[in-house]
Protein backbone atom coordinates (compact mmCIF):
# COMPACT_ATOMS: atom_id res chain seq x y z
CA MET A 1 99.77 114.68 146.16
CA MET A 2 96.74 115.74 144.18
CA LEU A 3 94.52 113.30 146.05
CA SER A 4 95.68 114.50 149.46
CA LYS A 5 95.00 118.09 148.44
CA GLN A 6 91.46 117.17 147.38
CA ILE A 7 90.86 115.35 150.66
CA GLU A 8 92.15 118.36 152.58
CA ASN A 9 89.86 120.71 150.67
CA PHE A 10 86.91 118.38 151.23
CA LEU A 11 87.54 118.19 154.98
CA ARG A 12 87.99 121.94 155.12
CA ALA A 13 84.70 122.51 153.32
CA LEU A 14 82.99 120.00 155.60
CA GLY A 15 84.52 121.33 158.79
CA LYS A 16 83.74 125.01 158.29
CA PRO A 17 79.91 124.73 158.48
CA LEU A 18 80.23 122.17 161.28
CA VAL A 19 82.34 124.54 163.36
CA ALA A 20 79.93 127.38 162.60
CA PHE A 21 76.99 125.20 163.70
CA LEU A 22 78.71 124.21 166.95
CA MET A 23 79.56 127.84 167.68
CA SER A 24 75.94 128.86 167.11
CA LEU A 25 74.74 126.01 169.31
CA GLY A 26 77.14 127.08 172.06
CA LYS A 27 76.00 130.71 171.89
CA LEU A 28 72.37 129.61 172.04
CA SER A 29 73.09 127.36 175.04
CA VAL A 30 74.79 130.20 176.92
CA PHE A 31 71.87 132.51 176.10
CA ILE A 32 69.35 129.94 177.37
CA VAL A 33 71.22 129.48 180.65
CA ARG A 34 71.49 133.23 181.21
CA ALA A 35 67.86 133.85 180.28
CA VAL A 36 66.51 131.09 182.52
CA TYR A 37 68.69 132.18 185.43
CA HIS A 38 67.51 135.78 185.22
CA ALA A 39 63.90 134.66 184.77
CA LEU A 40 64.07 132.73 188.05
CA THR A 41 65.81 135.40 190.12
CA PRO A 42 64.53 138.81 191.26
CA PRO A 43 63.82 141.54 190.42
CA ILE A 44 60.77 140.74 188.29
CA TYR A 45 59.36 143.49 186.08
CA PHE A 46 55.69 142.65 186.56
CA LYS A 47 54.42 145.51 184.37
CA ASN A 48 56.47 144.24 181.43
CA PHE A 49 55.11 140.74 182.05
CA ILE A 50 51.50 141.98 181.91
CA LYS A 51 52.25 143.86 178.70
CA GLN A 52 53.65 140.73 177.08
CA VAL A 53 50.67 138.67 178.29
CA LEU A 54 48.35 141.08 176.49
CA GLU A 55 50.48 141.14 173.34
CA MET A 56 50.96 137.37 173.16
CA GLY A 57 47.66 136.24 174.64
CA PHE A 58 44.75 138.63 174.32
CA TYR A 59 45.63 139.98 170.89
CA SER A 60 46.28 136.46 169.55
CA VAL A 61 42.81 135.16 170.47
CA PRO A 62 41.18 135.99 167.09
CA VAL A 63 43.83 134.30 164.94
CA VAL A 64 43.94 131.23 167.20
CA GLY A 65 40.14 131.01 167.24
CA LEU A 66 39.86 131.23 163.45
CA THR A 67 42.65 128.70 162.93
CA THR A 68 41.30 126.07 165.31
CA ILE A 69 37.61 126.36 164.40
CA PHE A 70 38.31 125.80 160.72
CA ALA A 71 40.76 123.00 161.57
CA GLY A 72 38.01 121.26 163.55
CA MET A 73 35.53 121.75 160.72
CA VAL A 74 37.92 120.34 158.12
CA ILE A 75 38.79 117.34 160.30
CA ALA A 76 35.07 116.56 160.70
CA LEU A 77 34.51 116.70 156.94
CA GLN A 78 37.59 114.64 156.06
CA THR A 79 36.90 112.04 158.77
CA TYR A 80 33.30 111.60 157.65
CA SER A 81 34.41 111.29 154.02
CA GLY A 82 36.79 108.47 154.91
CA PHE A 83 34.84 106.67 157.64
CA SER A 84 31.51 106.65 155.77
CA LYS A 85 32.98 104.04 153.40
CA TYR A 86 33.22 101.63 156.32
CA GLY A 87 30.06 102.58 158.21
CA ALA A 88 32.05 104.19 161.04
CA GLU A 89 30.50 107.66 160.95
CA SER A 90 29.90 107.52 164.71
CA ALA A 91 33.68 107.86 165.28
CA VAL A 92 33.79 111.36 163.77
CA ALA A 93 33.26 113.11 167.11
CA ASN A 94 36.03 111.07 168.76
CA VAL A 95 38.50 111.73 165.93
CA VAL A 96 37.79 115.45 165.99
CA LEU A 97 38.27 115.53 169.77
CA ILE A 98 41.58 113.65 169.72
CA SER A 99 42.95 115.50 166.70
CA VAL A 100 42.16 118.93 168.08
CA THR A 101 43.19 118.48 171.70
CA ARG A 102 46.35 116.44 171.14
CA GLU A 103 47.77 117.92 167.95
CA LEU A 104 45.95 120.57 165.97
CA ALA A 105 45.22 123.12 168.69
CA PRO A 106 48.74 123.09 170.22
CA VAL A 107 50.67 122.98 166.94
CA LEU A 108 48.55 125.35 164.86
CA SER A 109 48.24 127.84 167.73
CA ALA A 110 52.01 127.75 168.27
CA LEU A 111 52.74 128.29 164.57
CA MET A 112 50.31 131.21 164.40
CA VAL A 113 51.77 132.80 167.52
CA ALA A 114 55.31 132.21 166.22
CA GLY A 115 54.48 134.07 163.04
CA ARG A 116 52.78 136.90 164.87
CA ILE A 117 54.70 137.30 168.14
CA GLY A 118 58.06 135.67 167.43
CA ALA A 119 58.63 138.02 164.51
CA ALA A 120 57.52 141.04 166.55
CA MET A 121 59.85 140.15 169.43
CA ALA A 122 62.84 139.70 167.13
CA ALA A 123 62.11 142.95 165.30
CA GLU A 124 61.65 144.95 168.50
CA ILE A 125 64.72 143.61 170.29
CA GLY A 126 66.78 143.65 167.09
CA THR A 127 65.96 147.31 166.55
CA MET A 128 66.95 148.06 170.13
CA LYS A 129 70.20 146.18 169.57
CA VAL A 130 71.28 147.94 166.37
CA THR A 131 70.29 151.37 167.74
CA GLU A 132 72.29 150.66 170.92
CA GLN A 133 69.27 150.90 173.21
CA LEU A 134 70.34 147.66 174.91
CA ASP A 135 73.71 149.27 175.70
CA ALA A 136 71.81 152.24 177.11
CA LEU A 137 69.89 149.92 179.45
CA VAL A 138 73.17 148.49 180.73
CA THR A 139 74.48 152.03 181.23
CA LEU A 140 71.39 152.74 183.35
CA SER A 141 72.14 149.64 185.48
CA THR A 142 69.22 147.70 183.99
CA ASN A 143 69.89 144.13 182.95
CA PRO A 144 68.33 143.46 179.51
CA PHE A 145 67.84 139.80 180.41
CA LYS A 146 65.64 140.73 183.37
CA TYR A 147 63.94 143.76 181.82
CA LEU A 148 63.28 142.44 178.29
CA PHE A 149 63.79 138.70 178.06
CA ALA A 150 62.50 137.28 181.37
CA PRO A 151 58.98 138.82 181.06
CA ARG A 152 58.69 137.47 177.52
CA LEU A 153 59.77 133.96 178.54
CA TRP A 154 57.30 133.89 181.42
CA ALA A 155 54.54 135.25 179.19
CA GLY A 156 55.14 132.57 176.56
CA LEU A 157 55.21 129.85 179.19
CA CYS A 158 51.95 130.99 180.81
CA VAL A 159 49.88 132.33 177.93
CA LEU A 160 50.11 129.70 175.22
CA PRO A 161 48.45 126.96 177.34
CA LEU A 162 45.49 129.31 177.83
CA LEU A 163 45.34 129.97 174.10
CA VAL A 164 45.46 126.23 173.38
CA LEU A 165 42.70 125.54 175.92
CA PHE A 166 40.60 128.14 174.14
CA GLY A 167 41.55 126.55 170.81
CA ASP A 168 40.48 123.12 172.09
CA VAL A 169 36.98 124.38 172.83
CA ILE A 170 36.65 126.30 169.57
CA GLY A 171 38.07 123.45 167.48
CA VAL A 172 35.72 120.87 168.96
CA PHE A 173 32.85 123.32 168.47
CA GLY A 174 33.81 123.66 164.81
CA GLY A 175 33.59 119.89 164.44
CA TYR A 176 30.21 119.95 166.17
CA VAL A 177 28.87 122.62 163.80
CA VAL A 178 29.87 120.65 160.72
CA GLY A 179 28.76 117.34 162.20
CA VAL A 180 25.31 118.55 163.19
CA TYR A 181 24.42 121.15 160.57
CA LYS A 182 26.30 119.78 157.56
CA LEU A 183 26.48 116.02 158.08
CA GLY A 184 23.18 115.60 159.92
CA PHE A 185 24.36 114.05 163.21
CA ASN A 186 22.06 114.13 166.20
CA PRO A 187 23.27 117.00 168.47
CA ALA A 188 22.75 115.08 171.72
CA ASN A 189 24.53 111.98 170.42
CA TYR A 190 27.46 114.05 169.12
CA ILE A 191 27.88 115.84 172.46
CA ASN A 192 27.58 112.60 174.44
CA SER A 193 30.16 110.89 172.22
CA THR A 194 32.54 113.82 172.72
CA ILE A 195 32.12 113.78 176.50
CA GLU A 196 32.48 109.99 176.75
CA ASN A 197 35.74 110.01 174.79
CA LEU A 198 37.24 113.02 176.55
CA GLU A 199 40.44 111.94 178.30
CA ALA A 200 42.58 113.92 180.71
CA ILE A 201 45.79 112.68 179.07
CA GLY A 202 44.81 114.33 175.78
CA ILE A 203 44.17 117.71 177.40
CA ILE A 204 47.23 117.54 179.65
CA SER A 205 49.60 116.55 176.84
CA GLY A 206 48.29 119.41 174.72
CA LEU A 207 48.78 121.94 177.51
CA ILE A 208 52.31 120.69 178.23
CA LYS A 209 53.10 121.00 174.54
CA ALA A 210 51.71 124.53 174.59
CA ALA A 211 53.90 125.58 177.53
CA VAL A 212 57.02 124.20 175.82
CA PHE A 213 56.06 125.83 172.52
CA GLY A 214 55.44 129.18 174.19
CA PHE A 215 58.87 129.08 175.81
CA ILE A 216 60.49 128.17 172.48
CA ILE A 217 58.73 130.98 170.60
CA SER A 218 59.75 133.60 173.16
CA LEU A 219 63.27 132.23 173.37
CA MET A 220 63.83 132.27 169.60
CA GLY A 221 62.36 135.75 169.28
CA CYS A 222 64.58 137.12 172.02
CA TYR A 223 67.72 135.28 170.93
CA ASN A 224 67.56 136.21 167.26
CA GLY A 225 66.75 139.81 168.10
CA TYR A 226 69.60 139.97 170.61
CA LYS A 227 72.10 138.56 168.09
CA SER A 228 71.00 140.78 165.19
CA LYS A 229 73.48 143.20 163.65
CA GLY A 230 74.01 145.24 160.52
CA GLY A 231 71.13 147.71 160.63
CA ALA A 232 67.74 147.21 158.98
CA GLN A 233 68.91 144.22 156.93
CA GLY A 234 70.14 142.47 160.06
CA VAL A 235 66.85 143.10 161.85
CA GLY A 236 64.93 141.65 158.89
CA GLN A 237 67.16 138.57 158.88
CA ALA A 238 66.70 138.15 162.62
CA THR A 239 62.92 138.31 162.21
CA THR A 240 62.98 135.61 159.54
CA ASN A 241 65.31 133.41 161.58
CA ALA A 242 63.10 133.76 164.66
CA VAL A 243 59.97 132.56 162.87
CA VAL A 244 61.68 129.74 160.96
CA SER A 245 63.67 128.41 163.92
CA ALA A 246 60.68 128.60 166.27
CA SER A 247 58.44 126.78 163.76
CA ILE A 248 60.97 124.00 163.18
CA LEU A 249 61.57 123.53 166.91
CA VAL A 250 57.83 123.44 167.56
CA LEU A 251 57.44 120.56 165.10
CA ILE A 252 60.45 118.71 166.52
CA PHE A 253 59.35 119.05 170.14
CA ASN A 254 55.78 118.16 169.16
CA TYR A 255 57.02 114.74 168.07
CA LEU A 256 59.26 114.30 171.12
CA ILE A 257 56.47 115.13 173.59
CA THR A 258 54.02 112.91 171.69
CA GLU A 259 56.57 110.10 171.89
CA ILE A 260 56.84 110.57 175.66
CA PHE A 261 53.09 110.53 176.28
CA PHE A 262 51.72 108.06 173.75
CA ALA A 263 54.51 105.70 172.65
CA LYS A 264 53.97 102.12 173.78
């Protein structure tokens, strides 16, 4: 009798978080379907889209530029430190190029944008939710999914690839600066090696990653803001959840996309 009671308590303790997880997953799935549907159907609030493009894209250029240029510089230093032991210093330019375009620029840019924009989206929408501004939009016959969420999803999908393309150039330039002015490489040889090893698949995979990451960041910001409750504390929790969930999903989908493109 005692053993059966312990087993029942164990299953109850195990089942409660599982049910909660499945419920959260179901709510997220329904939100995704609704958001995508409204993003693909008119009307489209073009002014809101432009505003989100500026917020997510233009104002994120400095942080993306700083992140990627120092990433490229560090990769050049670390690669030279390791490869010089084997007389393979000439591969530094190729390693910097591949590292930046395939991984560092997409992932680091996405994480920076998630911290900056994902949190802002969740805070803004969460504040609107707890102050009943979303209910006011419905009262005014304005669908929040079309007015608030669709422009943000489209902005994330369109803007992050542009940021990553910018990050690719800046990151490779950072490697060039360290390679030429710190490590003493010949500028012409470094540029030629970079151009010779430049592959379309590396750029394309990075841009596809960026589009997926941008959608994820916008989606998590909107979803966590929309589901927030409980006043200021709830908005703060939604902001934290948006950044954490977006960052984790970015890392997961980074592996999945890499597996699709480069697994043999």
